[in-house]
Amino acid sequence: MNVAALREGISYQGVLLALFSTLTAAALVVANGFTAPAIHIAEEQDLEASLRQVLPAGFSDNNLLTDVVVVKDSAGLDVEVHKASKGGVQQGAVFKTSTIGYAGPIVILVGLSRDGAVQGVRVLRHAETPGLGDKIEVAKSDWVHAFEGKALTTARWLVKKDGGDFDQFAGATITPRGVVKAVKEALEFHQANHAAIYAEH
């Protein structure tokens, strides 16, 4: 058998490519098996820390990660609502919402009391312009704290440039305008689905 000639053949190259592809895929599966549990635990810890950040200290004593109810929004999409309870009595709720900013989607976590007052807001993910739109992050500015204590009927849910109660940023009005709209919509969702969110199970 002429090994050199065999190596030049298309079938040899094909078999070799398939072998390496199979070995690579197997290695990825094994690596994923080892790392997936640790990644899952880290993600759960991050989410729990975020959930706690939008509620006042001592507001709840239950497991926010597991005490969840799924409610459909006005578009028929599922929204995971984390129930915040203390002494077995539900005090409020936390859920994600989103909006479109200047540079794309902005994902927001909103914590509300049972009577519909904002307890906290945190931006989880965005691609806004550094130095301008990123002031929506609590690490960059205290702007998101302006929502705390506000309810649907106790604020004008627009930025000041549009006649509302919330500051805009110089050179970046689109971003705060989107976040204000998203928080207002979260309040409306909470109000519209109050019975489902606080139903006894």
N, C-alpha and C. Protein backbone atom coordinates (compact mmCIF):
# COMPACT_ATOMS: atom_id res chain seq x y z
N MET A 1 0.84 -1.20 0.00
CA MET A 1 0.00 0.00 0.00
C MET A 1 0.88 1.25 0.00
N ASN A 2 0.56 2.14 -0.85
CA ASN A 2 1.33 3.39 -0.93
C ASN A 2 0.71 4.41 0.03
N VAL A 3 1.30 4.54 1.21
CA VAL A 3 0.75 5.41 2.26
C VAL A 3 0.75 6.88 1.83
N ALA A 4 1.82 7.28 1.16
CA ALA A 4 1.92 8.68 0.71
C ALA A 4 0.79 9.02 -0.25
N ALA A 5 0.49 8.08 -1.15
CA ALA A 5 -0.60 8.31 -2.11
C ALA A 5 -1.95 8.33 -1.41
N LEU A 6 -2.07 7.43 -0.41
CA LEU A 6 -3.34 7.38 0.34
C LEU A 6 -3.62 8.70 1.05
N ARG A 7 -2.55 9.30 1.60
CA ARG A 7 -2.72 10.57 2.33
C ARG A 7 -3.17 11.70 1.42
N GLU A 8 -2.86 11.58 0.15
CA GLU A 8 -3.26 12.64 -0.79
C GLU A 8 -4.71 12.48 -1.24
N GLY A 9 -5.30 11.34 -0.96
CA GLY A 9 -6.67 11.08 -1.42
C GLY A 9 -7.72 11.87 -0.65
N ILE A 10 -8.81 12.19 -1.34
CA ILE A 10 -9.88 12.97 -0.71
C ILE A 10 -10.54 12.20 0.41
N SER A 11 -10.69 10.88 0.23
CA SER A 11 -11.35 10.08 1.25
C SER A 11 -10.53 10.06 2.54
N TYR A 12 -9.21 10.00 2.41
CA TYR A 12 -8.34 10.02 3.59
C TYR A 12 -8.51 11.34 4.35
N GLN A 13 -8.47 12.43 3.58
CA GLN A 13 -8.63 13.74 4.22
C GLN A 13 -10.00 13.88 4.90
N GLY A 14 -11.00 13.32 4.24
CA GLY A 14 -12.35 13.39 4.80
C GLY A 14 -12.47 12.62 6.10
N VAL A 15 -11.88 11.41 6.09
CA VAL A 15 -11.91 10.59 7.32
C VAL A 15 -11.16 11.28 8.43
N LEU A 16 -10.01 11.86 8.08
CA LEU A 16 -9.20 12.56 9.09
C LEU A 16 -9.97 13.74 9.68
N LEU A 17 -10.63 14.50 8.81
CA LEU A 17 -11.41 15.66 9.27
C LEU A 17 -12.55 15.22 10.17
N ALA A 18 -13.22 14.12 9.77
CA ALA A 18 -14.33 13.62 10.59
C ALA A 18 -13.85 13.15 11.95
N LEU A 19 -12.67 12.51 11.96
CA LEU A 19 -12.12 12.02 13.23
C LEU A 19 -11.81 13.18 14.16
N PHE A 20 -11.15 14.21 13.63
CA PHE A 20 -10.82 15.37 14.49
C PHE A 20 -12.09 16.08 14.95
N SER A 21 -13.08 16.18 14.07
CA SER A 21 -14.34 16.83 14.46
C SER A 21 -15.02 16.07 15.58
N THR A 22 -15.01 14.73 15.46
CA THR A 22 -15.64 13.90 16.50
C THR A 22 -14.92 14.05 17.83
N LEU A 23 -13.58 14.04 17.77
CA LEU A 23 -12.81 14.17 19.01
C LEU A 23 -13.03 15.54 19.66
N THR A 24 -13.09 16.59 18.82
CA THR A 24 -13.32 17.94 19.35
C THR A 24 -14.70 18.05 19.99
N ALA A 25 -15.70 17.49 19.31
CA ALA A 25 -17.05 17.54 19.86
C ALA A 25 -17.13 16.79 21.18
N ALA A 26 -16.46 15.64 21.23
CA ALA A 26 -16.47 14.84 22.47
C ALA A 26 -15.81 15.60 23.60
N ALA A 27 -14.69 16.29 23.28
CA ALA A 27 -13.99 17.07 24.30
C ALA A 27 -14.87 18.20 24.83
N LEU A 28 -15.62 18.85 23.92
CA LEU A 28 -16.51 19.94 24.34
C LEU A 28 -17.63 19.42 25.23
N VAL A 29 -18.16 18.24 24.88
CA VAL A 29 -19.24 17.65 25.69
C VAL A 29 -18.73 17.33 27.09
N VAL A 30 -17.53 16.75 27.17
CA VAL A 30 -16.96 16.41 28.47
C VAL A 30 -16.69 17.67 29.29
N ALA A 31 -16.11 18.70 28.63
CA ALA A 31 -15.82 19.96 29.34
C ALA A 31 -17.09 20.62 29.83
N ASN A 32 -18.13 20.58 29.00
CA ASN A 32 -19.41 21.17 29.40
C ASN A 32 -19.99 20.43 30.60
N GLY A 33 -19.83 19.11 30.60
CA GLY A 33 -20.34 18.31 31.72
C GLY A 33 -19.69 18.68 33.03
N PHE A 34 -18.39 19.00 32.97
CA PHE A 34 -17.66 19.36 34.19
C PHE A 34 -17.98 20.79 34.65
N THR A 35 -18.15 21.72 33.68
CA THR A 35 -18.28 23.13 34.04
C THR A 35 -19.73 23.61 34.20
N ALA A 36 -20.68 22.92 33.58
CA ALA A 36 -22.08 23.38 33.60
C ALA A 36 -22.63 23.55 35.02
N PRO A 37 -22.42 22.58 35.93
CA PRO A 37 -22.97 22.78 37.29
C PRO A 37 -22.42 24.03 37.97
N ALA A 38 -21.11 24.27 37.83
CA ALA A 38 -20.50 25.44 38.47
C ALA A 38 -21.04 26.73 37.86
N ILE A 39 -21.22 26.73 36.53
CA ILE A 39 -21.76 27.92 35.86
C ILE A 39 -23.19 28.17 36.31
N HIS A 40 -23.96 27.08 36.44
CA HIS A 40 -25.36 27.22 36.87
C HIS A 40 -25.42 27.81 38.29
N ILE A 41 -24.57 27.32 39.18
CA ILE A 41 -24.56 27.83 40.56
C ILE A 41 -24.19 29.30 40.57
N ALA A 42 -23.19 29.69 39.78
CA ALA A 42 -22.76 31.10 39.73
C ALA A 42 -23.88 31.99 39.20
N GLU A 43 -24.59 31.51 38.17
CA GLU A 43 -25.69 32.29 37.61
C GLU A 43 -26.82 32.46 38.64
N GLU A 44 -27.09 31.39 39.38
CA GLU A 44 -28.13 31.47 40.42
C GLU A 44 -27.74 32.47 41.51
N GLN A 45 -26.46 32.44 41.89
CA GLN A 45 -26.00 33.36 42.94
C GLN A 45 -26.08 34.81 42.45
N ASP A 46 -25.72 35.03 41.19
CA ASP A 46 -25.80 36.39 40.63
C ASP A 46 -27.24 36.88 40.60
N LEU A 47 -28.16 35.99 40.18
CA LEU A 47 -29.56 36.38 40.10
C LEU A 47 -30.12 36.67 41.49
N GLU A 48 -29.78 35.82 42.46
CA GLU A 48 -30.28 36.06 43.82
C GLU A 48 -29.77 37.40 44.36
N ALA A 49 -28.50 37.70 44.10
CA ALA A 49 -27.94 38.97 44.57
C ALA A 49 -28.67 40.14 43.91
N SER A 50 -28.98 40.01 42.62
CA SER A 50 -29.70 41.08 41.91
C SER A 50 -31.10 41.24 42.46
N LEU A 51 -31.76 40.11 42.74
CA LEU A 51 -33.13 40.18 43.28
C LEU A 51 -33.14 40.91 44.62
N ARG A 52 -32.13 40.63 45.44
CA ARG A 52 -32.05 41.28 46.76
C ARG A 52 -31.77 42.78 46.63
N GLN A 53 -31.07 43.18 45.56
CA GLN A 53 -30.70 44.59 45.41
C GLN A 53 -31.90 45.50 45.13
N VAL A 54 -32.99 44.93 44.59
CA VAL A 54 -34.14 45.78 44.27
C VAL A 54 -35.21 45.72 45.36
N LEU A 55 -34.84 45.17 46.52
CA LEU A 55 -35.75 45.16 47.66
C LEU A 55 -35.03 45.74 48.87
N PRO A 56 -35.75 46.43 49.74
CA PRO A 56 -35.10 46.97 50.95
C PRO A 56 -34.63 45.83 51.85
N ALA A 57 -33.63 46.11 52.66
CA ALA A 57 -33.12 45.11 53.60
C ALA A 57 -34.24 44.66 54.52
N GLY A 58 -34.38 43.34 54.71
CA GLY A 58 -35.40 42.80 55.61
C GLY A 58 -36.79 42.75 55.01
N PHE A 59 -36.92 43.08 53.74
CA PHE A 59 -38.24 43.11 53.09
C PHE A 59 -38.83 41.72 52.98
N SER A 60 -37.99 40.71 52.78
CA SER A 60 -38.49 39.34 52.61
C SER A 60 -37.56 38.36 53.31
N ASP A 61 -38.11 37.18 53.60
CA ASP A 61 -37.29 36.14 54.22
C ASP A 61 -37.46 34.79 53.51
N ASN A 62 -38.04 34.82 52.34
CA ASN A 62 -38.23 33.56 51.60
C ASN A 62 -37.14 33.39 50.55
N ASN A 63 -37.17 32.26 49.86
CA ASN A 63 -36.21 32.01 48.79
C ASN A 63 -36.75 32.62 47.50
N LEU A 64 -36.18 33.73 47.11
CA LEU A 64 -36.67 34.45 45.92
C LEU A 64 -36.42 33.67 44.64
N LEU A 65 -35.42 32.81 44.66
CA LEU A 65 -35.10 32.06 43.44
C LEU A 65 -36.15 31.00 43.14
N THR A 66 -36.69 30.39 44.16
CA THR A 66 -37.61 29.26 43.94
C THR A 66 -39.07 29.63 44.10
N ASP A 67 -39.35 30.73 44.76
CA ASP A 67 -40.74 31.14 44.98
C ASP A 67 -41.16 32.01 43.79
N VAL A 68 -41.57 31.34 42.73
CA VAL A 68 -41.82 32.02 41.46
C VAL A 68 -43.18 31.65 40.91
N VAL A 69 -43.86 32.60 40.32
CA VAL A 69 -45.09 32.35 39.60
C VAL A 69 -44.91 32.90 38.18
N VAL A 70 -45.44 32.19 37.21
CA VAL A 70 -45.34 32.63 35.81
C VAL A 70 -46.65 33.27 35.39
N VAL A 71 -46.56 34.51 34.92
CA VAL A 71 -47.75 35.28 34.52
C VAL A 71 -47.55 35.74 33.08
N LYS A 72 -48.60 35.68 32.30
CA LYS A 72 -48.49 36.12 30.91
C LYS A 72 -48.67 37.65 30.83
N ASP A 73 -47.84 38.28 29.99
CA ASP A 73 -48.00 39.72 29.80
C ASP A 73 -49.04 40.00 28.72
N SER A 74 -49.22 41.26 28.37
CA SER A 74 -50.27 41.62 27.42
C SER A 74 -50.03 41.04 26.02
N ALA A 75 -48.78 40.65 25.74
CA ALA A 75 -48.46 40.04 24.45
C ALA A 75 -48.54 38.53 24.50
N GLY A 76 -48.95 38.00 25.66
CA GLY A 76 -49.06 36.54 25.80
C GLY A 76 -47.76 35.85 26.12
N LEU A 77 -46.73 36.62 26.45
CA LEU A 77 -45.42 36.03 26.79
C LEU A 77 -45.33 35.76 28.28
N ASP A 78 -44.63 34.69 28.64
CA ASP A 78 -44.46 34.33 30.05
C ASP A 78 -43.50 35.29 30.75
N VAL A 79 -43.88 35.73 31.92
CA VAL A 79 -43.02 36.56 32.77
C VAL A 79 -42.83 35.83 34.09
N GLU A 80 -41.59 35.54 34.44
CA GLU A 80 -41.31 34.91 35.74
C GLU A 80 -41.32 35.98 36.82
N VAL A 81 -42.23 35.84 37.75
CA VAL A 81 -42.35 36.81 38.84
C VAL A 81 -41.87 36.15 40.13
N HIS A 82 -40.84 36.73 40.73
CA HIS A 82 -40.30 36.22 41.99
C HIS A 82 -41.09 36.86 43.13
N LYS A 83 -41.69 36.00 43.95
CA LYS A 83 -42.50 36.50 45.05
C LYS A 83 -41.61 36.84 46.24
N ALA A 84 -41.84 37.98 46.85
CA ALA A 84 -41.09 38.40 48.04
C ALA A 84 -42.02 38.32 49.24
N SER A 85 -41.74 37.37 50.14
CA SER A 85 -42.62 37.15 51.29
C SER A 85 -41.84 37.27 52.59
N LYS A 86 -42.57 37.63 53.63
CA LYS A 86 -41.98 37.67 54.96
C LYS A 86 -42.98 37.08 55.95
N GLY A 87 -42.52 36.10 56.71
CA GLY A 87 -43.42 35.42 57.65
C GLY A 87 -44.57 34.74 56.94
N GLY A 88 -44.35 34.33 55.72
CA GLY A 88 -45.39 33.63 54.96
C GLY A 88 -46.38 34.55 54.27
N VAL A 89 -46.21 35.84 54.41
CA VAL A 89 -47.12 36.81 53.78
C VAL A 89 -46.39 37.50 52.63
N GLN A 90 -46.95 37.44 51.45
CA GLN A 90 -46.28 38.05 50.29
C GLN A 90 -46.33 39.57 50.39
N GLN A 91 -45.14 40.16 50.33
CA GLN A 91 -45.00 41.61 50.49
C GLN A 91 -44.84 42.34 49.17
N GLY A 92 -44.37 41.61 48.15
CA GLY A 92 -44.10 42.28 46.89
C GLY A 92 -43.65 41.29 45.83
N ALA A 93 -43.10 41.81 44.76
CA ALA A 93 -42.71 40.97 43.64
C ALA A 93 -41.53 41.60 42.90
N VAL A 94 -40.76 40.74 42.26
CA VAL A 94 -39.62 41.19 41.46
C VAL A 94 -39.67 40.48 40.11
N PHE A 95 -39.45 41.21 39.05
CA PHE A 95 -39.42 40.58 37.73
C PHE A 95 -38.59 41.42 36.77
N LYS A 96 -38.21 40.75 35.67
CA LYS A 96 -37.43 41.43 34.63
C LYS A 96 -38.38 42.07 33.64
N THR A 97 -37.93 43.16 33.07
CA THR A 97 -38.61 43.77 31.95
C THR A 97 -37.52 44.29 31.01
N SER A 98 -37.91 44.81 29.88
CA SER A 98 -36.89 45.31 28.96
C SER A 98 -37.43 46.46 28.13
N THR A 99 -36.51 47.18 27.54
CA THR A 99 -36.86 48.30 26.69
C THR A 99 -35.78 48.44 25.62
N ILE A 100 -36.01 49.33 24.68
CA ILE A 100 -35.00 49.60 23.65
C ILE A 100 -34.38 50.95 23.93
N GLY A 101 -33.09 50.97 24.10
CA GLY A 101 -32.37 52.22 24.33
C GLY A 101 -31.78 52.75 23.05
N TYR A 102 -30.73 53.54 23.17
CA TYR A 102 -30.07 54.12 22.00
C TYR A 102 -29.30 53.06 21.21
N ALA A 103 -28.71 52.11 21.95
CA ALA A 103 -27.82 51.13 21.30
C ALA A 103 -28.37 49.71 21.33
N GLY A 104 -29.64 49.55 21.66
CA GLY A 104 -30.20 48.20 21.67
C GLY A 104 -30.99 47.92 22.93
N PRO A 105 -31.26 46.64 23.17
CA PRO A 105 -32.10 46.27 24.33
C PRO A 105 -31.44 46.62 25.66
N ILE A 106 -32.28 47.02 26.60
CA ILE A 106 -31.86 47.25 27.98
C ILE A 106 -32.73 46.35 28.85
N VAL A 107 -32.09 45.46 29.61
CA VAL A 107 -32.82 44.54 30.48
C VAL A 107 -32.79 45.09 31.90
N ILE A 108 -33.95 45.13 32.51
CA ILE A 108 -34.11 45.80 33.80
C ILE A 108 -34.79 44.86 34.79
N LEU A 109 -34.37 44.95 36.04
CA LEU A 109 -35.02 44.20 37.12
C LEU A 109 -35.75 45.23 37.99
N VAL A 110 -37.03 44.95 38.26
CA VAL A 110 -37.85 45.89 39.02
C VAL A 110 -38.43 45.18 40.24
N GLY A 111 -38.27 45.79 41.40
CA GLY A 111 -38.87 45.28 42.63
C GLY A 111 -39.99 46.19 43.08
N LEU A 112 -41.16 45.59 43.36
CA LEU A 112 -42.34 46.37 43.73
C LEU A 112 -42.94 45.86 45.03
N SER A 113 -43.51 46.76 45.81
CA SER A 113 -44.28 46.33 46.97
C SER A 113 -45.67 45.90 46.51
N ARG A 114 -46.38 45.22 47.38
CA ARG A 114 -47.70 44.70 47.02
C ARG A 114 -48.66 45.81 46.61
N ASP A 115 -48.49 47.00 47.20
CA ASP A 115 -49.39 48.11 46.87
C ASP A 115 -48.93 48.90 45.65
N GLY A 116 -47.91 48.40 44.96
CA GLY A 116 -47.53 49.01 43.68
C GLY A 116 -46.56 50.16 43.76
N ALA A 117 -45.71 50.19 44.77
CA ALA A 117 -44.67 51.22 44.86
C ALA A 117 -43.32 50.59 44.49
N VAL A 118 -42.55 51.31 43.71
CA VAL A 118 -41.25 50.81 43.30
C VAL A 118 -40.32 50.74 44.52
N GLN A 119 -39.71 49.56 44.71
CA GLN A 119 -38.75 49.40 45.80
C GLN A 119 -37.31 49.52 45.30
N GLY A 120 -37.11 49.15 44.05
CA GLY A 120 -35.77 49.26 43.50
C GLY A 120 -35.75 48.91 42.03
N VAL A 121 -34.79 49.46 41.32
CA VAL A 121 -34.60 49.19 39.89
C VAL A 121 -33.11 48.99 39.64
N ARG A 122 -32.76 47.96 38.89
CA ARG A 122 -31.37 47.74 38.50
C ARG A 122 -31.33 47.36 37.02
N VAL A 123 -30.38 47.92 36.33
CA VAL A 123 -30.17 47.56 34.93
C VAL A 123 -29.24 46.35 34.89
N LEU A 124 -29.72 45.26 34.32
CA LEU A 124 -28.94 44.03 34.27
C LEU A 124 -28.04 43.95 33.05
N ARG A 125 -28.51 44.50 31.92
CA ARG A 125 -27.74 44.38 30.69
C ARG A 125 -28.09 45.51 29.74
N HIS A 126 -27.08 46.08 29.09
CA HIS A 126 -27.32 47.14 28.10
C HIS A 126 -26.07 47.32 27.25
N ALA A 127 -26.20 48.09 26.19
CA ALA A 127 -25.05 48.40 25.32
C ALA A 127 -25.01 49.90 25.05
N GLU A 128 -25.46 50.69 26.02
CA GLU A 128 -25.52 52.15 25.83
C GLU A 128 -24.10 52.75 25.82
N THR A 129 -24.02 53.96 25.34
CA THR A 129 -22.73 54.62 25.14
C THR A 129 -22.03 54.89 26.48
N PRO A 130 -20.81 54.40 26.65
CA PRO A 130 -20.07 54.69 27.89
C PRO A 130 -19.89 56.20 28.09
N GLY A 131 -20.13 56.64 29.31
CA GLY A 131 -19.97 58.06 29.62
C GLY A 131 -21.22 58.88 29.37
N LEU A 132 -22.19 58.32 28.65
CA LEU A 132 -23.45 59.02 28.37
C LEU A 132 -24.62 58.17 28.88
N GLY A 133 -24.98 57.17 28.10
CA GLY A 133 -26.13 56.34 28.45
C GLY A 133 -25.90 55.38 29.59
N ASP A 134 -24.65 55.11 29.92
CA ASP A 134 -24.42 54.11 30.97
C ASP A 134 -24.67 54.65 32.38
N LYS A 135 -25.14 55.88 32.49
CA LYS A 135 -25.50 56.41 33.81
C LYS A 135 -26.74 55.72 34.38
N ILE A 136 -27.36 54.85 33.60
CA ILE A 136 -28.48 54.06 34.11
C ILE A 136 -27.98 52.96 35.04
N GLU A 137 -26.67 52.69 35.02
CA GLU A 137 -26.11 51.69 35.92
C GLU A 137 -25.93 52.31 37.31
N VAL A 138 -26.29 51.56 38.33
CA VAL A 138 -26.16 52.07 39.69
C VAL A 138 -24.69 52.29 40.05
N ALA A 139 -23.79 51.57 39.39
CA ALA A 139 -22.36 51.73 39.66
C ALA A 139 -21.81 53.04 39.09
N LYS A 140 -22.54 53.65 38.12
CA LYS A 140 -22.07 54.87 37.47
C LYS A 140 -22.76 56.13 37.99
N SER A 141 -24.00 55.97 38.46
CA SER A 141 -24.75 57.13 38.96
C SER A 141 -25.90 56.63 39.83
N ASP A 142 -26.45 57.54 40.61
CA ASP A 142 -27.59 57.15 41.47
C ASP A 142 -28.93 57.43 40.80
N TRP A 143 -28.92 57.61 39.48
CA TRP A 143 -30.13 57.99 38.75
C TRP A 143 -31.28 57.01 38.97
N VAL A 144 -31.03 55.71 38.97
CA VAL A 144 -32.12 54.73 39.10
C VAL A 144 -32.81 54.80 40.46
N HIS A 145 -32.15 55.40 41.44
CA HIS A 145 -32.79 55.52 42.76
C HIS A 145 -33.98 56.48 42.72
N ALA A 146 -34.07 57.31 41.68
CA ALA A 146 -35.19 58.26 41.58
C ALA A 146 -36.54 57.55 41.46
N PHE A 147 -36.54 56.28 41.08
CA PHE A 147 -37.81 55.54 40.96
C PHE A 147 -38.35 55.06 42.30
N GLU A 148 -37.49 54.95 43.28
CA GLU A 148 -37.87 54.31 44.55
C GLU A 148 -38.98 55.09 45.25
N GLY A 149 -40.01 54.36 45.64
CA GLY A 149 -41.15 54.95 46.32
C GLY A 149 -42.23 55.47 45.39
N LYS A 150 -41.93 55.52 44.11
CA LYS A 150 -42.90 56.04 43.14
C LYS A 150 -43.92 54.95 42.77
N ALA A 151 -45.15 55.38 42.50
CA ALA A 151 -46.20 54.48 42.03
C ALA A 151 -46.81 55.08 40.77
N LEU A 152 -47.69 54.33 40.14
CA LEU A 152 -48.29 54.82 38.90
C LEU A 152 -48.92 56.19 39.05
N THR A 153 -49.59 56.40 40.19
CA THR A 153 -50.35 57.63 40.37
C THR A 153 -49.59 58.74 41.09
N THR A 154 -48.35 58.46 41.48
CA THR A 154 -47.62 59.46 42.27
C THR A 154 -46.47 60.11 41.49
N ALA A 155 -46.40 59.85 40.20
CA ALA A 155 -45.34 60.46 39.40
C ALA A 155 -45.83 60.68 37.98
N ARG A 156 -45.18 61.61 37.30
CA ARG A 156 -45.40 61.80 35.87
C ARG A 156 -44.32 60.99 35.17
N TRP A 157 -44.71 59.89 34.52
CA TRP A 157 -43.76 58.89 34.04
C TRP A 157 -43.16 59.25 32.69
N LEU A 158 -42.46 60.36 32.70
CA LEU A 158 -41.72 60.84 31.53
C LEU A 158 -40.45 61.51 32.05
N VAL A 159 -39.47 61.70 31.15
CA VAL A 159 -38.31 62.50 31.56
C VAL A 159 -38.73 63.98 31.57
N LYS A 160 -37.96 64.79 32.28
CA LYS A 160 -38.33 66.21 32.44
C LYS A 160 -38.44 66.94 31.11
N LYS A 161 -37.61 66.55 30.15
CA LYS A 161 -37.66 67.17 28.83
C LYS A 161 -39.02 66.98 28.18
N ASP A 162 -39.72 65.88 28.53
CA ASP A 162 -41.04 65.58 27.98
C ASP A 162 -42.17 65.97 28.93
N GLY A 163 -41.83 66.68 30.02
CA GLY A 163 -42.85 67.11 30.97
C GLY A 163 -43.04 66.18 32.14
N GLY A 164 -42.11 65.26 32.34
CA GLY A 164 -42.24 64.31 33.45
C GLY A 164 -41.39 64.66 34.65
N ASP A 165 -41.19 63.68 35.52
CA ASP A 165 -40.50 63.89 36.79
C ASP A 165 -39.05 63.40 36.82
N PHE A 166 -38.60 62.75 35.75
CA PHE A 166 -37.29 62.09 35.83
C PHE A 166 -36.25 62.79 34.96
N ASP A 167 -35.07 62.96 35.51
CA ASP A 167 -33.99 63.63 34.80
C ASP A 167 -33.60 62.86 33.54
N GLN A 168 -33.23 63.61 32.50
CA GLN A 168 -32.59 62.99 31.36
C GLN A 168 -31.09 63.26 31.47
N PHE A 169 -30.31 62.66 30.59
CA PHE A 169 -28.86 62.88 30.61
C PHE A 169 -28.51 63.82 29.47
N ALA A 170 -27.57 64.71 29.70
CA ALA A 170 -27.11 65.60 28.63
C ALA A 170 -26.53 64.76 27.49
N GLY A 171 -27.11 64.91 26.31
CA GLY A 171 -26.62 64.18 25.15
C GLY A 171 -27.09 62.75 25.04
N ALA A 172 -27.97 62.33 25.94
CA ALA A 172 -28.41 60.93 25.89
C ALA A 172 -29.82 60.82 26.46
N THR A 173 -30.76 61.45 25.81
CA THR A 173 -32.14 61.43 26.32
C THR A 173 -32.85 60.12 26.03
N ILE A 174 -32.48 59.48 24.92
CA ILE A 174 -33.18 58.27 24.51
C ILE A 174 -33.08 57.17 25.58
N THR A 175 -31.91 57.05 26.18
CA THR A 175 -31.70 55.98 27.16
C THR A 175 -32.59 56.13 28.40
N PRO A 176 -32.54 57.28 29.11
CA PRO A 176 -33.42 57.40 30.28
C PRO A 176 -34.89 57.38 29.91
N ARG A 177 -35.22 57.92 28.74
CA ARG A 177 -36.61 57.88 28.28
C ARG A 177 -37.09 56.43 28.18
N GLY A 178 -36.27 55.56 27.65
CA GLY A 178 -36.62 54.15 27.52
C GLY A 178 -36.77 53.47 28.86
N VAL A 179 -35.87 53.78 29.80
CA VAL A 179 -35.92 53.14 31.12
C VAL A 179 -37.17 53.59 31.88
N VAL A 180 -37.48 54.89 31.82
CA VAL A 180 -38.68 55.40 32.49
C VAL A 180 -39.92 54.69 31.94
N LYS A 181 -39.98 54.55 30.63
CA LYS A 181 -41.11 53.86 29.99
C LYS A 181 -41.20 52.41 30.47
N ALA A 182 -40.06 51.74 30.57
CA ALA A 182 -40.06 50.34 30.99
C ALA A 182 -40.53 50.17 32.43
N VAL A 183 -40.09 51.08 33.31
CA VAL A 183 -40.52 50.97 34.71
C VAL A 183 -42.02 51.24 34.83
N LYS A 184 -42.49 52.21 34.08
CA LYS A 184 -43.94 52.48 34.08
C LYS A 184 -44.70 51.26 33.59
N GLU A 185 -44.23 50.63 32.53
CA GLU A 185 -44.90 49.43 32.02
C GLU A 185 -44.84 48.28 33.02
N ALA A 186 -43.77 48.21 33.79
CA ALA A 186 -43.69 47.19 34.84
C ALA A 186 -44.76 47.43 35.89
N LEU A 187 -44.96 48.68 36.25
CA LEU A 187 -46.03 49.01 37.21
C LEU A 187 -47.40 48.65 36.66
N GLU A 188 -47.60 48.91 35.38
CA GLU A 188 -48.89 48.58 34.75
C GLU A 188 -49.10 47.07 34.70
N PHE A 189 -48.03 46.34 34.40
CA PHE A 189 -48.11 44.87 34.40
C PHE A 189 -48.47 44.36 35.79
N HIS A 190 -47.83 44.91 36.80
CA HIS A 190 -48.09 44.50 38.19
C HIS A 190 -49.55 44.77 38.57
N GLN A 191 -50.04 45.92 38.18
CA GLN A 191 -51.42 46.28 38.50
C GLN A 191 -52.42 45.37 37.75
N ALA A 192 -52.15 45.12 36.48
CA ALA A 192 -53.07 44.32 35.66
C ALA A 192 -53.10 42.86 36.09
N ASN A 193 -52.00 42.37 36.67
CA ASN A 193 -51.90 40.95 37.03
C ASN A 193 -51.80 40.75 38.54
N HIS A 194 -52.27 41.69 39.29
CA HIS A 194 -52.14 41.65 40.75
C HIS A 194 -52.74 40.38 41.34
N ALA A 195 -53.91 40.00 40.88
CA ALA A 195 -54.58 38.81 41.43
C ALA A 195 -53.76 37.55 41.17
N ALA A 196 -53.20 37.43 39.98
CA ALA A 196 -52.41 36.24 39.64
C ALA A 196 -51.09 36.22 40.40
N ILE A 197 -50.46 37.38 40.57
CA ILE A 197 -49.17 37.45 41.26
C ILE A 197 -49.31 37.12 42.74
N TYR A 198 -50.42 37.53 43.33
CA TYR A 198 -50.57 37.36 44.78
C TYR A 198 -51.56 36.26 45.15
N ALA A 199 -51.91 35.43 44.19
CA ALA A 199 -52.83 34.31 44.47
C ALA A 199 -52.17 33.33 45.43
N GLU A 200 -52.94 32.77 46.34
CA GLU A 200 -52.44 31.75 47.27
C GLU A 200 -52.34 30.44 46.51
N HIS A 201 -51.21 29.75 46.69
CA HIS A 201 -51.04 28.45 46.01
C HIS A 201 -50.89 27.36 47.05
